[in-house]
């Protein structure tokens, strides 16, 4: 087990959260308000793909059934 502290580097940051990566521990750190999740790179990519698929379906559904498409609130 690596006992060195993480040295995370920012990959992305928005009003919704931050994504960082630590090359020492090979983990992706997802920070959403008071929640911090840590993933292997492979798991993070898998979760991201799942969320992207769900987002596409939500957006397609909202265009068909709603007068106004869903808006992202910042």
PDB file of N, CA and C in Angstrom:
ATOM      1  N   UNK A   1       0.843  -1.187   0.000  1.00  0.00           N
ATOM      2  CA  UNK A   1       0.000   0.000   0.000  1.00  0.00           C
ATOM      3  C   UNK A   1       0.879   1.237   0.000  1.00  0.00           C
ATOM      4  N   UNK A   2       0.531   2.190  -0.849  1.00  0.00           N
ATOM      5  CA  UNK A   2       1.274   3.435  -0.962  1.00  0.00           C
ATOM      6  C   UNK A   2       0.926   4.358   0.200  1.00  0.00           C
ATOM      7  N   UNK A   3       1.904   4.759   1.002  1.00  0.00           N
ATOM      8  CA  UNK A   3       1.647   5.615   2.154  1.00  0.00           C
ATOM      9  C   UNK A   3       1.922   7.085   1.860  1.00  0.00           C
ATOM     10  N   UNK A   4       2.346   7.387   0.638  1.00  0.00           N
ATOM     11  CA  UNK A   4       2.581   8.776   0.267  1.00  0.00           C
ATOM     12  C   UNK A   4       1.240   9.476   0.092  1.00  0.00           C
ATOM     13  N   UNK A   5       1.160  10.763   0.442  1.00  0.00           N
ATOM     14  CA  UNK A   5      -0.099  11.487   0.253  1.00  0.00           C
ATOM     15  C   UNK A   5      -0.405  11.692  -1.231  1.00  0.00           C
ATOM     16  N   UNK A   6      -1.678  11.779  -1.533  1.00  0.00           N
ATOM     17  CA  UNK A   6      -2.099  12.040  -2.904  1.00  0.00           C
ATOM     18  C   UNK A   6      -1.627  13.419  -3.338  1.00  0.00           C
ATOM     19  N   UNK A   7      -1.338  13.516  -4.608  1.00  0.00           N
ATOM     20  CA  UNK A   7      -1.018  14.801  -5.226  1.00  0.00           C
ATOM     21  C   UNK A   7      -1.969  14.955  -6.413  1.00  0.00           C
ATOM     22  N   UNK A   8      -3.222  15.333  -6.130  1.00  0.00           N
ATOM     23  CA  UNK A   8      -4.209  15.393  -7.202  1.00  0.00           C
ATOM     24  C   UNK A   8      -3.998  16.592  -8.124  1.00  0.00           C
ATOM     25  N   UNK A   9      -4.298  16.365  -9.400  1.00  0.00           N
ATOM     26  CA  UNK A   9      -4.239  17.404 -10.422  1.00  0.00           C
ATOM     27  C   UNK A   9      -5.655  17.587 -10.969  1.00  0.00           C
ATOM     28  N   UNK A  10      -6.055  18.844 -11.156  1.00  0.00           N
ATOM     29  CA  UNK A  10      -7.394  19.125 -11.662  1.00  0.00           C
ATOM     30  C   UNK A  10      -7.538  18.675 -13.108  1.00  0.00           C
ATOM     31  N   UNK A  11      -8.642  17.978 -13.387  1.00  0.00           N
ATOM     32  CA  UNK A  11      -9.024  17.640 -14.747  1.00  0.00           C
ATOM     33  C   UNK A  11     -10.158  18.549 -15.203  1.00  0.00           C
ATOM     34  N   UNK A  12     -11.076  18.849 -14.282  1.00  0.00           N
ATOM     35  CA  UNK A  12     -12.217  19.707 -14.603  1.00  0.00           C
ATOM     36  C   UNK A  12     -12.802  20.265 -13.314  1.00  0.00           C
ATOM     37  N   UNK A  13     -13.362  21.457 -13.413  1.00  0.00           N
ATOM     38  CA  UNK A  13     -14.031  22.080 -12.266  1.00  0.00           C
ATOM     39  C   UNK A  13     -15.162  22.951 -12.781  1.00  0.00           C
ATOM     40  N   UNK A  14     -16.341  22.769 -12.195  1.00  0.00           N
ATOM     41  CA  UNK A  14     -17.509  23.587 -12.529  1.00  0.00           C
ATOM     42  C   UNK A  14     -18.215  23.933 -11.224  1.00  0.00           C
ATOM     43  N   UNK A  15     -19.348  24.616 -11.341  1.00  0.00           N
ATOM     44  CA  UNK A  15     -20.152  24.936 -10.159  1.00  0.00           C
ATOM     45  C   UNK A  15     -20.711  23.663  -9.515  1.00  0.00           C
ATOM     46  N   UNK A  16     -20.782  22.571 -10.280  1.00  0.00           N
ATOM     47  CA  UNK A  16     -21.341  21.319  -9.769  1.00  0.00           C
ATOM     48  C   UNK A  16     -20.329  20.482  -9.008  1.00  0.00           C
ATOM     49  N   UNK A  17     -19.070  20.597  -9.343  1.00  0.00           N
ATOM     50  CA  UNK A  17     -18.069  19.789  -8.664  1.00  0.00           C
ATOM     51  C   UNK A  17     -16.726  19.844  -9.360  1.00  0.00           C
ATOM     52  N   UNK A  18     -15.842  18.966  -8.929  1.00  0.00           N
ATOM     53  CA  UNK A  18     -14.487  18.914  -9.452  1.00  0.00           C
ATOM     54  C   UNK A  18     -14.091  17.468  -9.713  1.00  0.00           C
ATOM     55  N   UNK A  19     -13.237  17.289 -10.711  1.00  0.00           N
ATOM     56  CA  UNK A  19     -12.650  15.977 -10.994  1.00  0.00           C
ATOM     57  C   UNK A  19     -11.145  16.164 -10.978  1.00  0.00           C
ATOM     58  N   UNK A  20     -10.488  15.351 -10.156  1.00  0.00           N
ATOM     59  CA  UNK A  20      -9.038  15.405 -10.049  1.00  0.00           C
ATOM     60  C   UNK A  20      -8.477  14.011 -10.267  1.00  0.00           C
ATOM     61  N   UNK A  21      -7.205  13.940 -10.606  1.00  0.00           N
ATOM     62  CA  UNK A  21      -6.551  12.644 -10.746  1.00  0.00           C
ATOM     63  C   UNK A  21      -5.229  12.681  -9.994  1.00  0.00           C
ATOM     64  N   UNK A  22      -4.920  11.580  -9.328  1.00  0.00           N
ATOM     65  CA  UNK A  22      -3.640  11.436  -8.641  1.00  0.00           C
ATOM     66  C   UNK A  22      -2.857  10.347  -9.373  1.00  0.00           C
ATOM     67  N   UNK A  23      -1.742  10.730  -9.928  1.00  0.00           N
ATOM     68  CA  UNK A  23      -0.928   9.759 -10.667  1.00  0.00           C
ATOM     69  C   UNK A  23      -0.185   8.818  -9.723  1.00  0.00           C
ATOM     70  N   UNK A  24      -0.005   9.230  -8.465  1.00  0.00           N
ATOM     71  CA  UNK A  24       0.678   8.355  -7.501  1.00  0.00           C
ATOM     72  C   UNK A  24      -0.201   7.178  -7.104  1.00  0.00           C
ATOM     73  N   UNK A  25      -1.454   7.464  -6.759  1.00  0.00           N
ATOM     74  CA  UNK A  25      -2.344   6.375  -6.323  1.00  0.00           C
ATOM     75  C   UNK A  25      -3.214   5.852  -7.464  1.00  0.00           C
ATOM     76  N   UNK A  26      -3.108   6.481  -8.646  1.00  0.00           N
ATOM     77  CA  UNK A  26      -3.866   6.069  -9.827  1.00  0.00           C
ATOM     78  C   UNK A  26      -5.370   6.049  -9.566  1.00  0.00           C
ATOM     79  N   UNK A  27      -5.852   7.108  -8.926  1.00  0.00           N
ATOM     80  CA  UNK A  27      -7.266   7.244  -8.603  1.00  0.00           C
ATOM     81  C   UNK A  27      -7.804   8.558  -9.146  1.00  0.00           C
ATOM     82  N   UNK A  28      -9.086   8.517  -9.522  1.00  0.00           N
ATOM     83  CA  UNK A  28      -9.799   9.722  -9.915  1.00  0.00           C
ATOM     84  C   UNK A  28     -10.634  10.134  -8.710  1.00  0.00           C
ATOM     85  N   UNK A  29     -10.553  11.401  -8.358  1.00  0.00           N
ATOM     86  CA  UNK A  29     -11.279  11.951  -7.212  1.00  0.00           C
ATOM     87  C   UNK A  29     -12.409  12.828  -7.743  1.00  0.00           C
ATOM     88  N   UNK A  30     -13.645  12.445  -7.445  1.00  0.00           N
ATOM     89  CA  UNK A  30     -14.823  13.202  -7.844  1.00  0.00           C
ATOM     90  C   UNK A  30     -15.357  13.893  -6.608  1.00  0.00           C
ATOM     91  N   UNK A  31     -15.393  15.214  -6.634  1.00  0.00           N
ATOM     92  CA  UNK A  31     -15.855  15.986  -5.482  1.00  0.00           C
ATOM     93  C   UNK A  31     -17.117  16.745  -5.871  1.00  0.00           C
ATOM     94  N   UNK A  32     -18.206  16.446  -5.173  1.00  0.00           N
ATOM     95  CA  UNK A  32     -19.499  17.086  -5.403  1.00  0.00           C
ATOM     96  C   UNK A  32     -19.979  17.647  -4.073  1.00  0.00           C
ATOM     97  N   UNK A  33     -19.885  18.942  -3.897  1.00  0.00           N
ATOM     98  CA  UNK A  33     -20.230  19.609  -2.650  1.00  0.00           C
ATOM     99  C   UNK A  33     -19.532  18.916  -1.482  1.00  0.00           C
ATOM    100  N   UNK A  34     -20.273  18.300  -0.572  1.00  0.00           N
ATOM    101  CA  UNK A  34     -19.677  17.654   0.607  1.00  0.00           C
ATOM    102  C   UNK A  34     -19.361  16.178   0.387  1.00  0.00           C
ATOM    103  N   UNK A  35     -19.469  15.714  -0.836  1.00  0.00           N
ATOM    104  CA  UNK A  35     -19.265  14.310  -1.153  1.00  0.00           C
ATOM    105  C   UNK A  35     -17.981  14.142  -1.952  1.00  0.00           C
ATOM    106  N   UNK A  36     -17.158  13.200  -1.553  1.00  0.00           N
ATOM    107  CA  UNK A  36     -15.924  12.914  -2.278  1.00  0.00           C
ATOM    108  C   UNK A  36     -15.875  11.421  -2.569  1.00  0.00           C
ATOM    109  N   UNK A  37     -15.762  11.072  -3.859  1.00  0.00           N
ATOM    110  CA  UNK A  37     -15.708   9.682  -4.285  1.00  0.00           C
ATOM    111  C   UNK A  37     -14.384   9.437  -4.990  1.00  0.00           C
ATOM    112  N   UNK A  38     -13.830   8.252  -4.793  1.00  0.00           N
ATOM    113  CA  UNK A  38     -12.542   7.907  -5.369  1.00  0.00           C
ATOM    114  C   UNK A  38     -12.710   6.633  -6.206  1.00  0.00           C
ATOM    115  N   UNK A  39     -12.253   6.688  -7.461  1.00  0.00           N
ATOM    116  CA  UNK A  39     -12.429   5.592  -8.401  1.00  0.00           C
ATOM    117  C   UNK A  39     -11.106   5.228  -9.050  1.00  0.00           C
ATOM    118  N   UNK A  40     -11.000   3.980  -9.482  1.00  0.00           N
ATOM    119  CA  UNK A  40      -9.927   3.651 -10.415  1.00  0.00           C
ATOM    120  C   UNK A  40     -10.269   4.368 -11.721  1.00  0.00           C
ATOM    121  N   UNK A  41      -9.280   4.562 -12.568  1.00  0.00           N
ATOM    122  CA  UNK A  41      -9.521   5.233 -13.851  1.00  0.00           C
ATOM    123  C   UNK A  41     -10.560   4.459 -14.657  1.00  0.00           C
ATOM    124  N   UNK A  42     -10.432   3.138 -14.683  1.00  0.00           N
ATOM    125  CA  UNK A  42     -11.366   2.312 -15.454  1.00  0.00           C
ATOM    126  C   UNK A  42     -12.794   2.443 -14.929  1.00  0.00           C
ATOM    127  N   UNK A  43     -12.963   2.437 -13.618  1.00  0.00           N
ATOM    128  CA  UNK A  43     -14.300   2.579 -13.032  1.00  0.00           C
ATOM    129  C   UNK A  43     -14.884   3.951 -13.315  1.00  0.00           C
ATOM    130  N   UNK A  44     -14.062   4.988 -13.222  1.00  0.00           N
ATOM    131  CA  UNK A  44     -14.543   6.339 -13.497  1.00  0.00           C
ATOM    132  C   UNK A  44     -15.018   6.457 -14.943  1.00  0.00           C
ATOM    133  N   UNK A  45     -14.263   5.907 -15.876  1.00  0.00           N
ATOM    134  CA  UNK A  45     -14.660   5.950 -17.286  1.00  0.00           C
ATOM    135  C   UNK A  45     -15.970   5.190 -17.485  1.00  0.00           C
ATOM    136  N   UNK A  46     -16.125   4.028 -16.838  1.00  0.00           N
ATOM    137  CA  UNK A  46     -17.364   3.264 -16.941  1.00  0.00           C
ATOM    138  C   UNK A  46     -18.556   4.026 -16.400  1.00  0.00           C
ATOM    139  N   UNK A  47     -18.393   4.666 -15.249  1.00  0.00           N
ATOM    140  CA  UNK A  47     -19.484   5.445 -14.653  1.00  0.00           C
ATOM    141  C   UNK A  47     -19.815   6.642 -15.535  1.00  0.00           C
ATOM    142  N   UNK A  48     -18.788   7.280 -16.073  1.00  0.00           N
ATOM    143  CA  UNK A  48     -19.000   8.419 -16.964  1.00  0.00           C
ATOM    144  C   UNK A  48     -19.780   7.997 -18.204  1.00  0.00           C
ATOM    145  N   UNK A  49     -19.438   6.866 -18.779  1.00  0.00           N
ATOM    146  CA  UNK A  49     -20.171   6.365 -19.944  1.00  0.00           C
ATOM    147  C   UNK A  49     -21.632   6.099 -19.608  1.00  0.00           C
ATOM    148  N   UNK A  50     -21.893   5.532 -18.441  1.00  0.00           N
ATOM    149  CA  UNK A  50     -23.262   5.268 -18.005  1.00  0.00           C
ATOM    150  C   UNK A  50     -24.045   6.564 -17.842  1.00  0.00           C
ATOM    151  N   UNK A  51     -23.420   7.554 -17.200  1.00  0.00           N
ATOM    152  CA  UNK A  51     -24.087   8.849 -16.999  1.00  0.00           C
ATOM    153  C   UNK A  51     -24.333   9.562 -18.329  1.00  0.00           C
ATOM    154  N   UNK A  52     -23.388   9.476 -19.252  1.00  0.00           N
ATOM    155  CA  UNK A  52     -23.574  10.091 -20.569  1.00  0.00           C
ATOM    156  C   UNK A  52     -24.737   9.453 -21.312  1.00  0.00           C
ATOM    157  N   UNK A  53     -24.862   8.136 -21.220  1.00  0.00           N
ATOM    158  CA  UNK A  53     -25.978   7.441 -21.875  1.00  0.00           C
ATOM    159  C   UNK A  53     -27.308   7.884 -21.258  1.00  0.00           C
ATOM    160  N   UNK A  54     -27.358   7.951 -19.940  1.00  0.00           N
ATOM    161  CA  UNK A  54     -28.580   8.375 -19.258  1.00  0.00           C
ATOM    162  C   UNK A  54     -28.927   9.823 -19.606  1.00  0.00           C
ATOM    163  N   UNK A  55     -27.931  10.687 -19.668  1.00  0.00           N
ATOM    164  CA  UNK A  55     -28.163  12.087 -20.021  1.00  0.00           C
ATOM    165  C   UNK A  55     -28.752  12.203 -21.422  1.00  0.00           C
ATOM    166  N   UNK A  56     -28.216  11.447 -22.363  1.00  0.00           N
ATOM    167  CA  UNK A  56     -28.744  11.467 -23.725  1.00  0.00           C
ATOM    168  C   UNK A  56     -30.198  11.047 -23.773  1.00  0.00           C
ATOM    169  N   UNK A  57     -30.557  10.027 -23.005  1.00  0.00           N
ATOM    170  CA  UNK A  57     -31.947   9.550 -22.988  1.00  0.00           C
ATOM    171  C   UNK A  57     -32.865  10.567 -22.334  1.00  0.00           C
ATOM    172  N   UNK A  58     -32.404  11.191 -21.255  1.00  0.00           N
ATOM    173  CA  UNK A  58     -33.215  12.225 -20.591  1.00  0.00           C
ATOM    174  C   UNK A  58     -33.458  13.391 -21.543  1.00  0.00           C
ATOM    175  N   UNK A  59     -32.418  13.839 -22.220  1.00  0.00           N
ATOM    176  CA  UNK A  59     -32.551  14.972 -23.135  1.00  0.00           C
ATOM    177  C   UNK A  59     -33.459  14.610 -24.311  1.00  0.00           C
ATOM    178  N   UNK A  60     -33.327  13.414 -24.859  1.00  0.00           N
ATOM    179  CA  UNK A  60     -34.188  12.984 -25.967  1.00  0.00           C
ATOM    180  C   UNK A  60     -35.636  12.908 -25.509  1.00  0.00           C
ATOM    181  N   UNK A  61     -35.863  12.374 -24.327  1.00  0.00           N
ATOM    182  CA  UNK A  61     -37.224  12.253 -23.789  1.00  0.00           C
ATOM    183  C   UNK A  61     -37.817  13.631 -23.538  1.00  0.00           C
ATOM    184  N   UNK A  62     -37.046  14.541 -22.994  1.00  0.00           N
ATOM    185  CA  UNK A  62     -37.571  15.873 -22.672  1.00  0.00           C
ATOM    186  C   UNK A  62     -37.952  16.632 -23.940  1.00  0.00           C
ATOM    187  N   UNK A  63     -37.226  16.406 -25.029  1.00  0.00           N
ATOM    188  CA  UNK A  63     -37.560  17.076 -26.287  1.00  0.00           C
ATOM    189  C   UNK A  63     -38.864  16.552 -26.865  1.00  0.00           C
ATOM    190  N   UNK A  64     -39.180  15.274 -26.627  1.00  0.00           N
ATOM    191  CA  UNK A  64     -40.396  14.663 -27.172  1.00  0.00           C
ATOM    192  C   UNK A  64     -41.628  14.991 -26.343  1.00  0.00           C
ATOM    193  N   UNK A  65     -41.485  15.061 -25.019  1.00  0.00           N
ATOM    194  CA  UNK A  65     -42.658  15.124 -24.157  1.00  0.00           C
ATOM    195  C   UNK A  65     -42.892  16.470 -23.489  1.00  0.00           C
ATOM    196  N   UNK A  66     -41.913  17.316 -23.433  1.00  0.00           N
ATOM    197  CA  UNK A  66     -42.070  18.580 -22.728  1.00  0.00           C
ATOM    198  C   UNK A  66     -42.108  19.748 -23.705  1.00  0.00           C
ATOM    199  N   UNK A  67     -42.855  20.753 -23.333  1.00  0.00           N
ATOM    200  CA  UNK A  67     -42.901  21.957 -24.160  1.00  0.00           C
ATOM    201  C   UNK A  67     -41.540  22.659 -24.149  1.00  0.00           C
ATOM    202  N   UNK A  68     -40.915  22.653 -22.994  1.00  0.00           N
ATOM    203  CA  UNK A  68     -39.590  23.256 -22.871  1.00  0.00           C
ATOM    204  C   UNK A  68     -38.601  22.152 -22.556  1.00  0.00           C
ATOM    205  N   UNK A  69     -37.447  22.123 -23.228  1.00  0.00           N
ATOM    206  CA  UNK A  69     -36.445  21.119 -22.865  1.00  0.00           C
ATOM    207  C   UNK A  69     -35.910  21.371 -21.469  1.00  0.00           C
ATOM    208  N   UNK A  70     -35.414  20.325 -20.842  1.00  0.00           N
ATOM    209  CA  UNK A  70     -34.836  20.483 -19.522  1.00  0.00           C
ATOM    210  C   UNK A  70     -33.662  21.449 -19.576  1.00  0.00           C
ATOM    211  N   UNK A  71     -33.550  22.259 -18.561  1.00  0.00           N
ATOM    212  CA  UNK A  71     -32.452  23.209 -18.479  1.00  0.00           C
ATOM    213  C   UNK A  71     -31.562  22.804 -17.312  1.00  0.00           C
ATOM    214  N   UNK A  72     -30.294  23.011 -17.477  1.00  0.00           N
ATOM    215  CA  UNK A  72     -29.365  22.763 -16.390  1.00  0.00           C
ATOM    216  C   UNK A  72     -29.301  24.018 -15.543  1.00  0.00           C
ATOM    217  N   UNK A  73     -29.577  23.866 -14.264  1.00  0.00           N
ATOM    218  CA  UNK A  73     -29.582  24.992 -13.338  1.00  0.00           C
ATOM    219  C   UNK A  73     -28.206  25.139 -12.736  1.00  0.00           C
ATOM    220  N   UNK A  74     -27.694  26.340 -12.764  1.00  0.00           N
ATOM    221  CA  UNK A  74     -26.362  26.601 -12.192  1.00  0.00           C
ATOM    222  C   UNK A  74     -26.486  27.295 -10.873  1.00  0.00           C
TER     223      UNK A  74
END
